[in-house]
N, C-alpha and C. Protein backbone atom coordinates (compact mmCIF):
# COMPACT_ATOMS: atom_id res chain seq x y z
N UNK A 1 102.21 -69.87 19.79
CA UNK A 1 101.19 -68.84 19.97
C UNK A 1 100.16 -69.46 20.87
N UNK A 2 99.93 -68.74 22.00
CA UNK A 2 99.02 -69.16 22.92
C UNK A 2 97.87 -68.06 23.10
N UNK A 3 96.62 -68.42 22.96
CA UNK A 3 95.70 -67.30 23.22
C UNK A 3 95.14 -67.20 24.62
N UNK A 4 94.80 -66.02 25.03
CA UNK A 4 94.16 -65.86 26.31
C UNK A 4 92.72 -66.26 26.17
N UNK A 5 92.06 -66.40 27.32
CA UNK A 5 90.72 -66.69 27.41
C UNK A 5 89.74 -65.63 26.70
N UNK A 6 90.08 -64.39 26.87
CA UNK A 6 89.27 -63.27 26.28
C UNK A 6 89.47 -63.42 24.75
N UNK A 7 90.62 -63.64 24.31
CA UNK A 7 90.87 -63.74 22.85
C UNK A 7 90.09 -64.93 22.28
N UNK A 8 90.08 -66.01 22.95
CA UNK A 8 89.32 -67.22 22.43
C UNK A 8 87.81 -66.88 22.38
N UNK A 9 87.39 -66.20 23.41
CA UNK A 9 86.03 -65.84 23.44
C UNK A 9 85.62 -64.84 22.30
N UNK A 10 86.48 -63.85 21.97
CA UNK A 10 86.30 -62.99 20.81
C UNK A 10 86.29 -63.87 19.54
N UNK A 11 87.15 -64.79 19.34
CA UNK A 11 87.28 -65.59 18.19
C UNK A 11 86.01 -66.54 18.08
N UNK A 12 85.57 -67.04 19.23
CA UNK A 12 84.41 -67.82 19.01
C UNK A 12 83.11 -66.91 18.50
N UNK A 13 83.14 -65.74 18.97
CA UNK A 13 81.98 -64.93 18.55
C UNK A 13 82.13 -64.68 16.87
N UNK A 14 83.49 -64.45 16.51
CA UNK A 14 83.67 -64.18 15.09
C UNK A 14 83.36 -65.41 14.14
N UNK A 15 83.56 -66.67 14.87
CA UNK A 15 83.46 -67.88 14.13
C UNK A 15 81.99 -68.39 14.16
N UNK A 16 81.14 -67.86 14.96
CA UNK A 16 79.78 -68.31 15.05
C UNK A 16 79.09 -68.47 13.69
N UNK A 17 79.14 -67.58 12.91
CA UNK A 17 78.36 -67.59 11.64
C UNK A 17 79.20 -68.46 10.55
N UNK A 18 80.29 -68.89 10.79
CA UNK A 18 81.15 -69.48 9.69
C UNK A 18 80.53 -70.99 9.57
N UNK A 19 80.78 -71.44 8.32
CA UNK A 19 80.31 -72.85 8.03
C UNK A 19 81.61 -73.64 7.86
N UNK A 20 81.65 -74.96 8.20
CA UNK A 20 82.88 -75.81 8.16
C UNK A 20 83.35 -75.80 6.73
N UNK A 21 84.73 -75.54 6.51
CA UNK A 21 85.26 -75.59 5.18
C UNK A 21 85.82 -76.93 4.90
N UNK A 22 86.25 -77.74 5.84
CA UNK A 22 86.82 -79.05 5.65
C UNK A 22 86.01 -80.10 6.45
N UNK A 23 85.90 -81.20 5.90
CA UNK A 23 85.33 -82.34 6.57
C UNK A 23 86.30 -83.51 6.73
N UNK A 24 86.45 -83.95 7.92
CA UNK A 24 87.35 -85.14 8.15
C UNK A 24 86.33 -86.19 8.47
N UNK A 25 86.35 -87.32 7.55
CA UNK A 25 85.50 -88.40 7.76
C UNK A 25 86.09 -89.71 7.76
N UNK A 26 85.49 -90.79 7.15
CA UNK A 26 85.95 -92.09 7.29
C UNK A 26 87.32 -92.44 7.06
N UNK A 27 88.03 -91.77 6.12
CA UNK A 27 89.43 -92.03 5.80
C UNK A 27 90.40 -91.36 6.69
N UNK A 28 89.83 -90.47 7.72
CA UNK A 28 90.67 -89.89 8.71
C UNK A 28 91.37 -88.73 8.26
N UNK A 29 92.52 -88.47 9.08
CA UNK A 29 93.33 -87.24 8.84
C UNK A 29 94.53 -87.59 7.87
N UNK A 30 94.11 -87.67 6.57
CA UNK A 30 95.17 -87.87 5.59
C UNK A 30 95.96 -86.69 5.23
N UNK A 31 97.09 -86.87 4.54
CA UNK A 31 97.94 -85.68 4.11
C UNK A 31 97.23 -84.73 3.34
N UNK A 32 96.34 -85.15 2.42
CA UNK A 32 95.48 -84.22 1.63
C UNK A 32 94.55 -83.41 2.42
N UNK A 33 93.99 -84.05 3.43
CA UNK A 33 93.03 -83.25 4.31
C UNK A 33 93.85 -82.15 5.17
N UNK A 34 95.00 -82.63 5.58
CA UNK A 34 95.87 -81.66 6.25
C UNK A 34 96.27 -80.58 5.44
N UNK A 35 96.54 -80.86 4.14
CA UNK A 35 96.98 -79.82 3.22
C UNK A 35 95.86 -78.86 2.93
N UNK A 36 94.62 -79.41 2.94
CA UNK A 36 93.42 -78.48 2.57
C UNK A 36 93.10 -77.61 3.87
N UNK A 37 93.30 -78.24 5.06
CA UNK A 37 93.22 -77.35 6.29
C UNK A 37 94.29 -76.23 6.26
N UNK A 38 95.45 -76.57 5.82
CA UNK A 38 96.47 -75.63 5.73
C UNK A 38 96.16 -74.39 4.91
N UNK A 39 95.69 -74.76 3.65
CA UNK A 39 95.32 -73.81 2.62
C UNK A 39 94.10 -72.96 3.20
N UNK A 40 93.10 -73.53 3.87
CA UNK A 40 92.03 -72.85 4.47
C UNK A 40 92.40 -71.87 5.51
N UNK A 41 93.43 -72.27 6.36
CA UNK A 41 93.99 -71.36 7.32
C UNK A 41 94.76 -70.32 6.70
N UNK A 42 95.56 -70.46 5.73
CA UNK A 42 96.27 -69.37 5.04
C UNK A 42 95.21 -68.45 4.31
N UNK A 43 94.16 -68.81 3.94
CA UNK A 43 93.14 -68.03 3.14
C UNK A 43 92.25 -67.24 4.23
N UNK A 44 91.86 -67.91 5.27
CA UNK A 44 90.84 -67.34 6.08
C UNK A 44 91.24 -67.09 7.52
N UNK A 45 92.39 -67.57 8.04
CA UNK A 45 92.84 -67.39 9.44
C UNK A 45 92.00 -68.12 10.43
N UNK A 46 90.63 -67.87 10.39
CA UNK A 46 89.71 -68.58 11.41
C UNK A 46 88.72 -69.56 10.49
N UNK A 47 88.87 -70.76 10.87
CA UNK A 47 88.04 -71.68 10.16
C UNK A 47 87.37 -72.79 11.05
N UNK A 48 86.44 -73.46 10.54
CA UNK A 48 85.72 -74.52 11.14
C UNK A 48 85.99 -75.80 10.39
N UNK A 49 86.16 -76.86 11.06
CA UNK A 49 86.41 -78.20 10.51
C UNK A 49 85.34 -79.20 11.09
N UNK A 50 84.67 -79.87 10.23
CA UNK A 50 83.79 -80.87 10.69
C UNK A 50 84.46 -82.24 10.88
N UNK A 51 84.34 -82.79 12.00
CA UNK A 51 85.02 -84.06 12.39
C UNK A 51 83.93 -85.20 12.53
N UNK A 52 83.89 -86.05 11.52
CA UNK A 52 82.83 -87.16 11.50
C UNK A 52 83.42 -88.45 12.01
N UNK A 53 83.21 -88.83 13.38
CA UNK A 53 83.72 -90.02 13.93
C UNK A 53 83.32 -90.05 15.24
N UNK A 54 83.86 -91.09 16.06
CA UNK A 54 83.45 -91.30 17.42
C UNK A 54 84.08 -90.24 18.25
N UNK A 55 83.61 -90.04 19.45
CA UNK A 55 84.08 -88.97 20.34
C UNK A 55 85.60 -88.96 20.53
N UNK A 56 86.15 -90.08 20.84
CA UNK A 56 87.54 -90.08 21.17
C UNK A 56 88.41 -89.94 19.95
N UNK A 57 87.93 -90.34 18.87
CA UNK A 57 88.60 -90.18 17.48
C UNK A 57 88.51 -88.63 17.10
N UNK A 58 87.43 -88.03 17.38
CA UNK A 58 87.27 -86.55 16.98
C UNK A 58 88.20 -85.95 17.98
N UNK A 59 88.27 -86.24 19.24
CA UNK A 59 89.24 -85.42 20.06
C UNK A 59 90.57 -85.58 19.63
N UNK A 60 91.09 -86.77 19.30
CA UNK A 60 92.42 -86.97 18.77
C UNK A 60 92.69 -86.29 17.49
N UNK A 61 91.69 -86.20 16.62
CA UNK A 61 91.86 -85.42 15.26
C UNK A 61 92.06 -84.02 15.61
N UNK A 62 91.18 -83.46 16.45
CA UNK A 62 91.14 -82.02 16.77
C UNK A 62 92.57 -81.58 17.32
N UNK A 63 93.17 -82.31 18.13
CA UNK A 63 94.36 -81.92 18.76
C UNK A 63 95.53 -82.27 17.63
N UNK A 64 95.39 -83.30 16.90
CA UNK A 64 96.46 -83.55 15.86
C UNK A 64 96.46 -82.37 14.80
N UNK A 65 95.21 -81.96 14.46
CA UNK A 65 95.21 -80.90 13.33
C UNK A 65 95.93 -79.59 14.02
N UNK A 66 95.63 -79.22 15.30
CA UNK A 66 96.23 -78.07 15.78
C UNK A 66 97.75 -78.23 15.81
N UNK A 67 98.28 -79.40 16.15
CA UNK A 67 99.73 -79.65 16.22
C UNK A 67 100.38 -79.66 14.75
N UNK A 68 99.77 -80.34 13.94
CA UNK A 68 100.26 -80.40 12.54
C UNK A 68 100.21 -79.13 11.69
N UNK A 69 99.18 -78.29 11.98
CA UNK A 69 99.01 -77.16 11.27
C UNK A 69 99.58 -75.85 12.01
N UNK A 70 100.04 -76.14 13.26
CA UNK A 70 100.57 -74.94 14.12
C UNK A 70 99.47 -73.94 14.31
N UNK A 71 98.27 -74.40 14.49
CA UNK A 71 97.10 -73.61 14.72
C UNK A 71 96.55 -73.63 16.16
N UNK A 72 95.87 -72.71 16.55
CA UNK A 72 95.29 -72.77 17.91
C UNK A 72 93.92 -73.21 17.77
N UNK A 73 93.52 -74.23 18.64
CA UNK A 73 92.14 -74.88 18.80
C UNK A 73 91.40 -73.90 19.67
N UNK A 74 90.47 -73.17 19.03
CA UNK A 74 89.76 -72.19 19.64
C UNK A 74 88.54 -72.87 20.48
N UNK A 75 87.91 -73.84 19.86
CA UNK A 75 86.85 -74.47 20.52
C UNK A 75 86.38 -75.83 19.75
N UNK A 76 85.83 -76.75 20.49
CA UNK A 76 85.20 -77.79 19.74
C UNK A 76 83.80 -77.96 20.39
N UNK A 77 82.77 -78.20 19.57
CA UNK A 77 81.40 -78.55 19.99
C UNK A 77 80.90 -79.41 19.08
N UNK A 78 80.59 -80.68 19.76
CA UNK A 78 80.10 -81.81 18.99
C UNK A 78 81.11 -82.23 17.93
N UNK A 79 80.68 -82.08 16.68
CA UNK A 79 81.47 -82.62 15.62
C UNK A 79 82.24 -81.48 14.89
N UNK A 80 82.20 -80.28 15.34
CA UNK A 80 82.91 -79.07 14.84
C UNK A 80 83.96 -78.52 15.67
N UNK A 81 85.08 -78.46 14.97
CA UNK A 81 86.26 -77.76 15.69
C UNK A 81 86.59 -76.39 15.07
N UNK A 82 87.04 -75.41 15.79
CA UNK A 82 87.23 -74.17 15.21
C UNK A 82 88.84 -73.87 15.44
N UNK A 83 89.49 -73.38 14.46
CA UNK A 83 90.93 -73.20 14.58
C UNK A 83 91.27 -71.69 14.11
N UNK A 84 92.27 -71.21 14.82
CA UNK A 84 92.88 -69.91 14.35
C UNK A 84 94.40 -69.89 14.18
N UNK A 85 94.87 -69.43 13.17
CA UNK A 85 96.29 -69.07 12.87
C UNK A 85 96.44 -67.93 12.16
N UNK A 86 97.12 -66.99 12.80
CA UNK A 86 97.47 -65.62 12.21
C UNK A 86 98.21 -65.71 10.98
N UNK A 87 97.78 -65.04 9.88
CA UNK A 87 98.50 -64.97 8.64
C UNK A 87 99.86 -64.13 8.93
N UNK A 88 101.00 -64.72 8.51
CA UNK A 88 102.23 -64.03 8.77
C UNK A 88 102.48 -62.82 8.19
N UNK A 89 101.86 -62.60 6.98
CA UNK A 89 102.10 -61.25 6.27
C UNK A 89 100.89 -60.36 6.31
N UNK A 90 99.70 -60.87 6.11
CA UNK A 90 98.58 -59.95 6.01
C UNK A 90 97.51 -60.49 6.90
N UNK A 91 97.66 -60.22 8.27
CA UNK A 91 96.51 -60.71 9.18
C UNK A 91 95.37 -59.81 8.92
N UNK A 92 94.20 -60.50 8.93
CA UNK A 92 92.91 -59.76 8.83
C UNK A 92 92.07 -59.91 10.07
N UNK A 93 92.09 -61.01 10.82
CA UNK A 93 91.29 -61.16 11.96
C UNK A 93 92.03 -60.75 13.19
N UNK A 94 91.44 -59.93 13.97
CA UNK A 94 91.90 -59.56 15.28
C UNK A 94 91.46 -60.44 16.35
N UNK A 95 92.39 -61.16 17.05
CA UNK A 95 91.87 -62.03 18.19
C UNK A 95 91.37 -61.19 19.30
N UNK A 96 91.69 -59.90 19.38
CA UNK A 96 91.14 -59.13 20.48
C UNK A 96 92.15 -58.76 21.58
């Protein structure tokens, strides 16, 4: 699934008011953290994840999360990354 620029813009607007649901910190991207991100994506479709680490580490984590969870990385700003994955049965959020 690849989103167009207009769709990403729309999703960024919808994600603006969201709070991060998952925090990736000192222990890194463990299996339990990935499982929690999967659960959050299944429940909400559009989520924010707080990445607490150095810049290169955050960038690697952001890309790794998108790949492992088969989600679309909508944007990253500082320590926060926003992801979107359409629910297979009951989609709620319209990417535009």
